[in-house]
Protein backbone atom coordinates (compact mmCIF):
# COMPACT_ATOMS: atom_id res chain seq x y z
CA MET A 1 80.73 -16.17 21.03
CA LEU A 2 79.95 -15.14 17.51
CA THR A 3 77.48 -12.29 16.97
CA LYS A 4 75.12 -12.64 13.98
CA MET A 5 74.94 -9.55 11.75
CA ILE A 6 71.44 -8.02 11.12
CA GLU A 7 70.59 -6.39 7.75
CA PRO A 8 70.02 -2.61 7.95
CA GLU A 9 66.60 -2.91 6.12
CA ARG A 10 65.28 -5.35 8.74
CA VAL A 11 66.38 -3.01 11.54
CA ILE A 12 64.52 -0.08 9.96
CA LEU A 13 61.32 -2.07 9.47
CA THR A 14 61.47 -3.47 12.98
CA LEU A 15 61.91 -0.03 14.54
CA ALA A 16 59.08 1.39 12.43
CA GLY A 17 56.81 -1.46 13.50
CA LEU A 18 57.64 -0.91 17.15
CA LEU A 19 56.92 2.82 16.87
CA LEU A 20 53.59 2.24 15.12
CA ALA A 21 52.60 -0.45 17.60
CA ALA A 22 53.39 1.87 20.47
CA ALA A 23 51.18 4.53 18.87
CA GLY A 24 48.34 2.04 18.26
CA GLY A 25 48.76 2.32 14.49
CA GLN A 26 48.87 -0.20 11.70
CA ILE A 27 51.00 -0.45 8.62
CA HIS A 28 49.25 0.23 5.28
CA ALA A 29 51.14 -0.21 2.08
CA ASP A 30 48.64 2.07 0.26
CA PRO A 31 45.94 4.53 1.40
CA PRO A 32 42.33 3.19 1.28
CA THR A 33 40.65 3.59 -2.09
CA GLY A 34 37.01 2.78 -1.15
CA PHE A 35 34.28 5.18 -0.07
CA PRO A 36 35.27 6.64 3.33
CA TYR A 37 33.64 5.70 6.61
CA GLN A 38 33.18 9.36 7.55
CA PHE A 39 30.51 10.51 5.06
CA PRO A 40 32.00 13.43 3.05
CA ASP A 41 29.99 16.64 2.75
CA GLN A 42 31.65 17.26 -0.60
CA LYS A 43 31.87 14.84 -3.49
CA PRO A 44 35.08 12.78 -2.99
CA ASP A 45 37.65 12.41 -5.73
CA LEU A 46 36.87 8.73 -6.28
CA PRO A 47 35.16 6.62 -8.91
CA LEU A 48 31.48 6.55 -7.83
CA SER A 49 28.49 4.42 -8.67
CA ALA A 50 25.51 6.07 -10.37
CA ALA A 51 23.69 6.14 -7.03
CA MET A 52 26.51 7.89 -5.18
CA GLU A 53 27.14 10.27 -8.07
CA ARG A 54 23.46 11.22 -7.98
CA ASN A 55 23.65 11.73 -4.24
CA TYR A 56 26.13 14.58 -4.80
CA THR A 57 24.76 16.06 -8.01
CA ALA A 58 20.96 15.68 -7.98
CA TYR A 59 20.15 17.00 -4.50
CA PRO A 60 20.97 20.25 -2.65
CA ALA A 61 22.91 18.22 -0.06
CA PRO A 62 24.07 14.59 0.12
CA ARG A 63 22.18 13.98 3.39
CA PRO A 64 18.48 14.78 4.03
CA GLU A 65 19.18 16.58 7.31
CA ASN A 66 21.23 19.17 5.39
CA ASN A 67 18.84 19.46 2.43
CA GLU A 68 16.88 22.72 2.52
CA LEU A 69 14.20 21.11 0.35
CA PHE A 70 13.67 18.04 2.53
CA THR A 71 11.19 17.99 5.40
CA GLN A 72 8.70 15.98 7.38
CA PHE A 73 5.17 17.37 7.67
CA LYS A 74 3.33 17.81 10.97
CA TYR A 75 -0.48 18.17 11.14
CA THR A 76 -2.80 19.96 13.57
CA ARG A 77 -6.61 19.98 13.80
CA LEU A 78 -8.12 23.42 13.28
CA LYS A 79 -10.60 25.11 15.57
CA GLY A 80 -13.51 27.23 14.40
CA PHE A 81 -15.03 25.09 11.62
CA ASP A 82 -18.29 23.17 12.07
CA TYR A 83 -18.99 20.05 9.98
CA ASN A 84 -22.56 19.26 11.07
CA GLY A 85 -21.52 16.21 13.06
CA HIS A 86 -19.47 14.93 10.11
CA ASP A 87 -22.62 13.63 8.42
CA GLY A 88 -21.26 14.50 4.96
CA THR A 89 -23.47 17.51 4.29
CA ILE A 90 -20.74 20.12 4.90
CA SER A 91 -17.32 19.96 3.28
CA ARG A 92 -14.37 22.35 3.20
CA ARG A 93 -11.44 21.66 0.90
CA ASP A 94 -8.77 23.07 -1.43
CA PRO A 95 -7.53 26.04 0.63
CA SER A 96 -5.82 28.91 -1.15
CA LYS A 97 -2.45 30.32 -0.31
CA ILE A 98 -2.61 32.25 2.96
CA ILE A 99 -1.97 35.98 3.06
CA ALA A 100 -1.51 38.39 5.99
CA VAL A 101 -3.39 41.71 5.90
CA ASP A 102 -3.87 44.19 8.76
CA GLY A 103 -2.84 41.78 11.50
CA LYS A 104 -4.90 38.80 10.28
CA TYR A 105 -4.34 35.73 8.15
CA TYR A 106 -6.79 35.17 5.31
CA VAL A 107 -7.63 31.94 3.50
CA TRP A 108 -10.21 31.06 0.82
CA TYR A 109 -11.56 27.57 0.14
CA THR A 110 -14.26 25.43 -1.47
CA LYS A 111 -17.28 24.93 0.78
CA ARG A 112 -20.20 22.62 0.07
CA ASP A 113 -23.31 22.86 2.28
CA THR A 114 -25.96 20.54 0.82
CA PRO A 115 -28.93 18.48 2.09
CA THR A 116 -27.10 15.19 1.40
CA PRO A 117 -23.57 13.91 0.93
CA PRO A 118 -22.39 13.37 -2.69
CA GLN A 119 -24.58 10.90 -4.61
CA GLY A 120 -22.78 10.55 -7.94
CA ALA A 121 -23.49 12.28 -11.25
CA GLY A 122 -26.39 9.99 -12.12
CA ASN A 123 -28.27 10.82 -8.92
CA SER A 124 -27.41 14.50 -8.71
CA THR A 125 -30.00 17.27 -8.97
CA ASP A 126 -30.03 21.04 -8.55
CA VAL A 127 -29.61 20.51 -4.78
CA ILE A 128 -28.06 17.03 -4.49
CA PRO A 129 -24.30 17.02 -5.24
CA SER A 130 -22.57 14.58 -7.53
CA ALA A 131 -19.13 14.97 -5.96
CA ASP A 132 -17.60 16.52 -2.86
CA TRP A 133 -16.88 19.74 -4.79
CA ASP A 134 -20.20 19.92 -6.61
CA LEU A 135 -22.74 22.67 -5.78
CA ALA A 136 -20.01 24.55 -3.91
CA ASP A 137 -19.17 28.21 -3.35
CA ILE A 138 -15.94 29.95 -2.35
CA TRP A 139 -15.86 30.97 1.30
CA TYR A 140 -13.18 32.62 3.41
CA ALA A 141 -11.95 32.70 7.00
CA THR A 142 -9.51 34.73 9.08
CA SER A 143 -7.19 33.91 11.97
CA GLU A 144 -4.81 35.62 14.33
CA ASP A 145 -2.63 32.56 14.97
CA GLY A 146 -3.17 30.10 12.11
CA PHE A 147 -4.77 27.50 14.42
CA VAL A 148 -8.11 29.05 15.39
CA TRP A 149 -10.14 30.36 12.46
CA LYS A 150 -13.30 32.43 12.14
CA GLU A 151 -15.42 31.76 9.08
CA GLN A 152 -16.43 35.07 7.54
CA GLY A 153 -18.88 33.97 4.84
CA VAL A 154 -19.15 33.60 1.09
CA ALA A 155 -16.55 35.37 -1.02
CA VAL A 156 -17.57 34.18 -4.50
CA PRO A 157 -20.99 32.52 -4.85
CA ARG A 158 -22.12 30.48 -7.82
CA PRO A 159 -23.27 32.96 -10.46
CA PRO A 160 -26.63 32.71 -12.21
CA LYS A 161 -26.92 30.26 -15.09
CA PRO A 162 -25.42 30.25 -17.75
CA ASN A 163 -22.37 32.15 -16.41
CA VAL A 164 -19.05 30.39 -15.89
CA GLY A 165 -19.31 28.38 -12.67
CA TRP A 166 -23.10 28.39 -12.37
CA ARG A 167 -23.01 24.75 -11.25
CA SER A 168 -20.04 25.07 -8.88
CA VAL A 169 -17.08 27.36 -8.17
CA THR A 170 -14.17 25.51 -6.58
CA THR A 171 -10.46 25.19 -5.89
CA THR A 172 -9.62 28.85 -5.65
CA ASP A 173 -6.32 30.64 -5.16
CA ILE A 174 -5.33 34.22 -4.42
CA LEU A 175 -3.19 36.79 -6.25
CA VAL A 176 -2.25 40.21 -4.86
CA TRP A 177 -1.31 42.54 -7.71
CA LYS A 178 -0.86 46.34 -7.66
CA GLY A 179 -3.08 46.87 -4.63
CA LYS A 180 -5.93 44.65 -5.77
CA TYR A 181 -6.91 41.06 -4.96
CA TYR A 182 -7.79 38.37 -7.48
CA LEU A 183 -9.37 34.96 -6.88
CA TYR A 184 -8.93 32.38 -9.65
CA TYR A 185 -11.15 29.30 -9.54
CA GLN A 186 -12.58 26.40 -11.49
CA GLY A 187 -15.97 27.14 -13.01
CA PHE A 188 -18.21 24.11 -13.53
CA MET A 189 -21.11 24.34 -15.99
CA GLU A 190 -22.33 20.79 -15.35
CA ALA A 191 -22.35 18.31 -12.48
CA SER A 192 -18.88 16.94 -11.85
CA GLY A 193 -18.64 13.41 -13.20
CA THR A 194 -21.01 13.95 -16.10
CA ARG A 195 -18.03 13.80 -18.47
CA GLY A 196 -15.30 13.87 -15.85
CA ASP A 197 -14.18 17.05 -14.10
CA ASP A 198 -14.54 19.28 -17.15
CA CYS A 199 -14.11 22.98 -16.45
CA PRO A 200 -12.07 26.09 -17.33
CA VAL A 201 -10.80 28.87 -15.03
CA SER A 202 -12.50 32.17 -14.25
CA VAL A 203 -11.57 35.06 -11.93
CA SER A 204 -13.09 37.65 -9.58
CA TRP A 205 -11.38 40.75 -8.19
CA ALA A 206 -11.72 43.05 -5.15
CA ASP A 207 -10.11 46.11 -3.58
CA SER A 208 -10.03 44.38 -0.17
CA PRO A 209 -9.56 40.79 0.96
CA ASP A 210 -12.98 41.14 2.61
CA GLY A 211 -14.56 41.98 -0.74
CA PRO A 212 -16.90 42.72 -2.30
CA TRP A 213 -15.72 40.47 -5.12
CA HIS A 214 -16.53 41.33 -8.71
CA PRO A 215 -16.82 38.32 -11.03
CA THR A 216 -15.70 38.78 -14.61
CA HIS A 217 -18.02 36.00 -15.83
CA LYS A 218 -15.29 35.19 -18.34
CA ILE A 219 -12.99 32.27 -19.00
CA VAL A 220 -9.47 33.57 -18.41
CA ILE A 221 -7.64 30.27 -18.91
CA PRO A 222 -9.48 28.05 -21.40
CA ASN A 223 -9.17 24.34 -21.88
CA GLY A 224 -6.75 23.23 -24.57
CA PRO A 225 -7.76 22.45 -28.17
CA PRO A 226 -9.10 18.99 -29.07
CA GLY A 227 -6.44 16.31 -28.82
CA GLN A 228 -4.20 18.28 -26.43
CA TRP A 229 -3.37 17.10 -22.91
CA ASP A 230 -5.49 19.81 -21.23
CA GLN A 231 -8.45 19.72 -23.63
CA TYR A 232 -11.06 19.08 -20.95
CA SER A 233 -9.96 20.79 -17.75
CA ILE A 234 -7.85 23.46 -16.13
CA HIS A 235 -7.75 22.64 -12.40
CA ASP A 236 -6.13 24.16 -9.32
CA PRO A 237 -5.09 27.59 -10.71
CA TYR A 238 -2.12 28.77 -8.64
CA PRO A 239 -0.68 32.27 -9.34
CA LEU A 240 2.73 33.60 -8.34
CA VAL A 241 4.60 36.71 -9.49
CA HIS A 242 7.89 36.32 -11.37
CA ASN A 243 9.84 38.48 -13.78
CA GLY A 244 7.17 41.18 -13.65
CA LYS A 245 4.50 38.76 -14.84
CA ILE A 246 1.84 36.46 -13.43
CA TYR A 247 2.96 32.83 -13.55
CA LEU A 248 -0.10 30.67 -13.07
CA TYR A 249 0.45 26.93 -12.65
CA TYR A 250 -2.42 24.50 -13.14
CA LYS A 251 -3.26 20.80 -13.25
CA SER A 252 -5.08 18.90 -15.95
CA ASP A 253 -6.40 15.36 -16.27
CA SER A 254 -5.41 13.72 -19.54
CA ASN A 255 -5.58 10.23 -21.08
CA GLY A 256 -9.21 9.50 -20.19
CA ASP A 257 -9.53 6.52 -17.87
CA PRO A 258 -7.23 6.03 -16.04
CA TYR A 259 -6.34 9.70 -15.72
CA ILE A 260 -2.79 10.97 -15.97
CA ARG A 261 -2.34 14.15 -13.97
CA MET A 262 0.33 16.69 -14.91
CA HIS A 263 0.93 20.40 -14.42
CA GLY A 264 1.14 23.25 -16.89
CA LEU A 265 2.08 26.93 -16.79
CA ALA A 266 0.27 29.97 -18.22
CA ILE A 267 1.82 33.48 -18.17
CA ALA A 268 0.18 36.92 -18.38
CA ASP A 269 1.06 40.59 -18.00
CA ASP A 270 -2.35 41.37 -16.49
CA PRO A 271 -4.41 39.39 -13.95
CA LEU A 272 -7.39 39.34 -16.33
CA GLY A 273 -5.29 37.99 -19.16
CA PRO A 274 -4.71 37.08 -21.82
CA PHE A 275 -2.74 34.11 -20.49
CA THR A 276 -0.32 32.32 -22.80
CA LYS A 277 0.34 28.66 -22.11
CA HIS A 278 4.01 27.70 -22.04
CA PRO A 279 5.20 25.79 -25.14
CA LEU A 280 6.88 23.13 -22.97
CA ASN A 281 3.67 22.22 -21.12
CA PRO A 282 3.25 20.06 -19.16
CA VAL A 283 6.15 21.27 -17.02
CA VAL A 284 5.59 18.78 -14.15
CA ASN A 285 4.87 15.15 -15.04
CA SER A 286 3.31 14.05 -11.73
CA GLY A 287 1.37 15.24 -8.73
CA HIS A 288 -2.22 16.16 -7.99
CA GLU A 289 -3.06 19.61 -6.61
CA THR A 290 -0.67 22.51 -7.23
CA THR A 291 1.49 23.85 -4.38
CA LEU A 292 4.51 25.99 -5.27
CA PHE A 293 6.60 28.73 -3.66
CA PRO A 294 9.54 30.99 -4.63
CA PHE A 295 12.85 29.54 -3.48
CA LYS A 296 16.17 31.30 -4.11
CA LYS A 297 16.10 32.37 -7.78
CA GLY A 298 13.56 29.74 -8.79
CA VAL A 299 10.38 28.04 -7.70
CA ALA A 300 9.81 24.84 -5.68
CA ALA A 301 6.84 22.50 -6.06
CA LEU A 302 5.25 19.91 -3.78
CA VAL A 303 4.46 16.99 -6.09
CA ILE A 304 1.99 14.71 -4.32
CA ARG A 305 0.32 11.36 -4.99
CA ASP A 306 0.04 10.73 -8.74
CA GLY A 307 2.70 9.83 -11.32
CA ASN A 308 6.25 8.47 -11.41
CA GLU A 309 7.62 11.37 -9.38
CA HIS A 310 4.98 11.58 -6.67
CA ASN A 311 6.02 12.33 -3.08
CA THR A 312 8.83 14.64 -4.16
CA VAL A 313 9.82 18.25 -3.74
CA GLN A 314 10.99 19.63 -7.07
CA TYR A 315 12.76 22.82 -8.11
CA ALA A 316 13.10 24.87 -11.28
CA GLU A 317 15.56 27.77 -11.26
CA ASP A 318 14.05 28.98 -14.55
CA TRP A 319 10.49 28.40 -13.25
CA VAL A 320 9.88 25.88 -16.08
CA ASN A 321 12.23 22.88 -15.99
CA PHE A 322 11.69 21.03 -12.71
CA GLU A 323 14.10 18.53 -11.12
CA ILE A 324 13.60 16.30 -8.08
CA LYS A 325 15.35 17.70 -5.00
CA SER A 326 14.00 15.44 -2.26
CA ILE A 327 11.71 12.48 -1.61
CA VAL A 328 9.31 13.07 1.29
CA GLU A 329 6.41 11.49 3.19
CA LEU A 330 2.90 12.44 4.32
CA MET A 331 2.65 15.38 1.93
CA PRO A 332 -0.22 17.86 2.36
CA ASN A 333 -3.17 17.38 0.03
CA ALA A 334 -4.05 20.63 -1.75
CA GLY A 335 -1.54 22.54 0.35
CA GLY A 336 -2.06 26.29 0.61
CA PRO A 337 1.07 27.69 2.28
CA PHE A 338 1.71 31.05 3.88
CA ILE A 339 4.25 32.59 1.50
CA LYS A 340 5.54 36.03 2.45
CA ASP A 341 7.16 36.60 -0.95
CA ALA A 342 4.58 35.00 -3.25
CA PHE A 343 3.83 38.31 -4.97
CA THR A 344 7.01 40.36 -4.43
CA ASP A 345 8.74 39.23 -7.65
CA THR A 346 11.65 38.08 -5.53
CA ASP A 347 14.85 36.49 -6.81
CA ASP A 348 15.72 35.43 -3.25
CA GLY A 349 12.79 33.22 -2.24
CA ARG A 350 12.86 32.28 1.44
CA GLY A 351 10.59 29.19 1.45
CA ILE A 352 7.70 28.10 3.68
CA THR A 353 7.05 26.73 7.17
CA TRP A 354 3.26 26.23 7.36
CA GLY A 355 -0.06 26.34 5.61
CA LEU A 356 -3.47 24.70 5.37
CA SER A 357 -4.42 21.53 3.50
CA HIS A 358 -7.36 19.13 3.44
CA PHE A 359 -8.18 15.52 4.22
CA THR A 360 -10.69 13.89 1.88
CA ASN A 361 -13.34 11.46 3.15
CA ALA A 362 -12.56 12.63 6.66
CA THR A 363 -14.47 9.86 8.48
CA GLY A 364 -13.49 7.03 6.12
CA ASN A 365 -17.17 6.45 5.32
CA TRP A 366 -17.86 7.18 1.65
CA LYS A 367 -21.59 7.42 2.35
CA LYS A 368 -20.75 10.51 4.43
CA ASN A 369 -17.98 11.73 2.13
CA HIS A 370 -16.68 15.19 2.96
CA ALA A 371 -13.34 16.92 3.42
CA ILE A 372 -11.94 18.87 6.37
CA LEU A 373 -9.30 21.58 6.54
CA ALA A 374 -6.15 21.08 8.63
CA ARG A 375 -2.88 22.86 9.32
CA PHE A 376 0.48 21.51 8.20
CA ASP A 377 3.91 22.62 9.43
CA CYS A 378 7.28 21.89 7.82
CA ASP A 379 10.80 23.19 7.39
CA LEU A 380 11.18 24.19 3.76
CA SER A 381 12.55 27.55 4.79
CA ARG A 382 16.00 29.09 4.45
CA ASP A 383 15.34 31.05 7.67
CA VAL A 384 14.48 28.09 9.94
CA ASP A 385 16.63 25.18 11.09
CA ASP A 386 14.44 22.60 12.82
CA PRO A 387 16.24 19.22 13.08
CA SER A 388 13.06 17.47 14.22
CA MET A 389 11.54 18.30 10.82
CA LYS A 390 14.46 16.62 9.05
CA LYS A 391 14.13 13.08 10.41
CA HIS A 392 14.39 10.44 7.69
CA HIS A 393 11.18 8.48 8.15
CA VAL A 394 7.81 8.33 9.84
CA TYR A 395 6.89 5.32 11.97
CA PHE A 396 3.52 3.75 11.13
CA LYS A 397 1.89 1.33 13.55
CA PRO A 398 1.22 -2.18 12.15
CA GLU A 399 -2.51 -1.43 12.00
CA ILE A 400 -1.86 1.20 9.33
CA HIS A 401 -0.18 -1.41 7.12
CA PHE A 402 -2.82 -4.06 7.76
CA GLN A 403 -5.48 -1.59 6.62
CA GLN A 404 -3.85 -1.82 3.18
CA GLY A 405 -5.03 -5.42 2.87
CA LEU A 406 -5.82 -7.67 -0.07
CA ASN A 407 -9.23 -7.45 -1.70
CA LYS A 408 -11.34 -10.56 -2.35
CA GLU A 409 -10.20 -10.95 -5.93
CA GLN A 410 -6.53 -10.70 -4.97
CA ARG A 411 -6.92 -13.26 -2.19
CA ALA A 412 -8.71 -15.66 -4.58
CA ARG A 413 -5.93 -15.31 -7.15
CA ILE A 414 -3.28 -15.99 -4.52
CA ASP A 415 -5.16 -19.06 -3.25
CA GLU A 416 -5.23 -20.47 -6.79
CA GLU A 417 -1.50 -19.76 -7.19
CA THR A 418 -0.83 -21.51 -3.89
CA LYS A 419 -2.74 -24.62 -4.96
CA ALA A 420 -0.78 -24.76 -8.20
CA ASN A 421 2.54 -24.28 -6.38
CA LEU A 422 1.82 -27.09 -3.90
CA LEU A 423 0.69 -29.71 -6.38
CA PRO A 424 2.86 -32.83 -6.18
């Protein structure tokens, strides 16, 4: 019997195939060139789309759960505040940053206590408010745990006319500087809504967080000149300490109707000024109220609601040029965080885990319009690792979505479009 000769190459390939099959492997002529199944923590050495390139270059980490500037926000009702049965006559809103002094937390806020809920500028009087923040004073409260608060009374009342803020003093924030305390706030000299929310910023100071507070009766941060983005208002003054100076961020409403809301920066060597506005203002192109905190060498900002970049956490290592670092949900309105290093001139900011915020129109009934204070918790801290705060989305029940329904005009337009679409 003749024996057929087998080529050496076929023998080698056959043996290799048997060995791979026995090991459960497969033969690949070339290694895979596509994006790997196991998500790399570091940018892979591959051609990447713009989206995947951005994932590795625009954010602190390529996945939200590893991003120090990504979080979910949790909310808790506060105890200790009375709202007169939520009839709209008492409102608390726009809490300051929280500080800790002598074993207690302190917070300052806008409080309105009026005979009626807001009635609009046209119906307002010396006792009837035009808006939720009209005819308001600055009050303060203390707490030993951040959940139960004791209201202590008025910190800064409306001064006599014609001083800055005689109509209303609102939206305050706190600065601790060289052993003294400073409250910056919006000072209204007319009912809100008369020409918009037109107002500059004034300041009061004290030797103790419990006062007494001494008003300067002066404008420390004026509105901008005619034709400039902040010509009518300086809102939400928010001071931090950086580079041996006071960095005060603020919001302004520009463009008339509809408003465009952006943030600026003013810098001073002394709490009473003069403040110099940064030449690159506005430094944040979106958002509503100001909420910022030192983070590493720079400063982070919660950019809520308004503008192209709303619902983001942003960061500026130079404290001026902000970049988006995460996209988040359910952000706190007018957040006033507890920031241990707000005034330490740190270059190693540790971040935040909690604070107070407000909910506007707390009952959903505009005829009883008022705001309430609440607590928010988060993980925007370098010293906390809470995986439950890093989940990627919040589940909303269908009823929440159905509440965002069409109005009558929209439904009528759609019905007309439907008729046109179905014509033979």
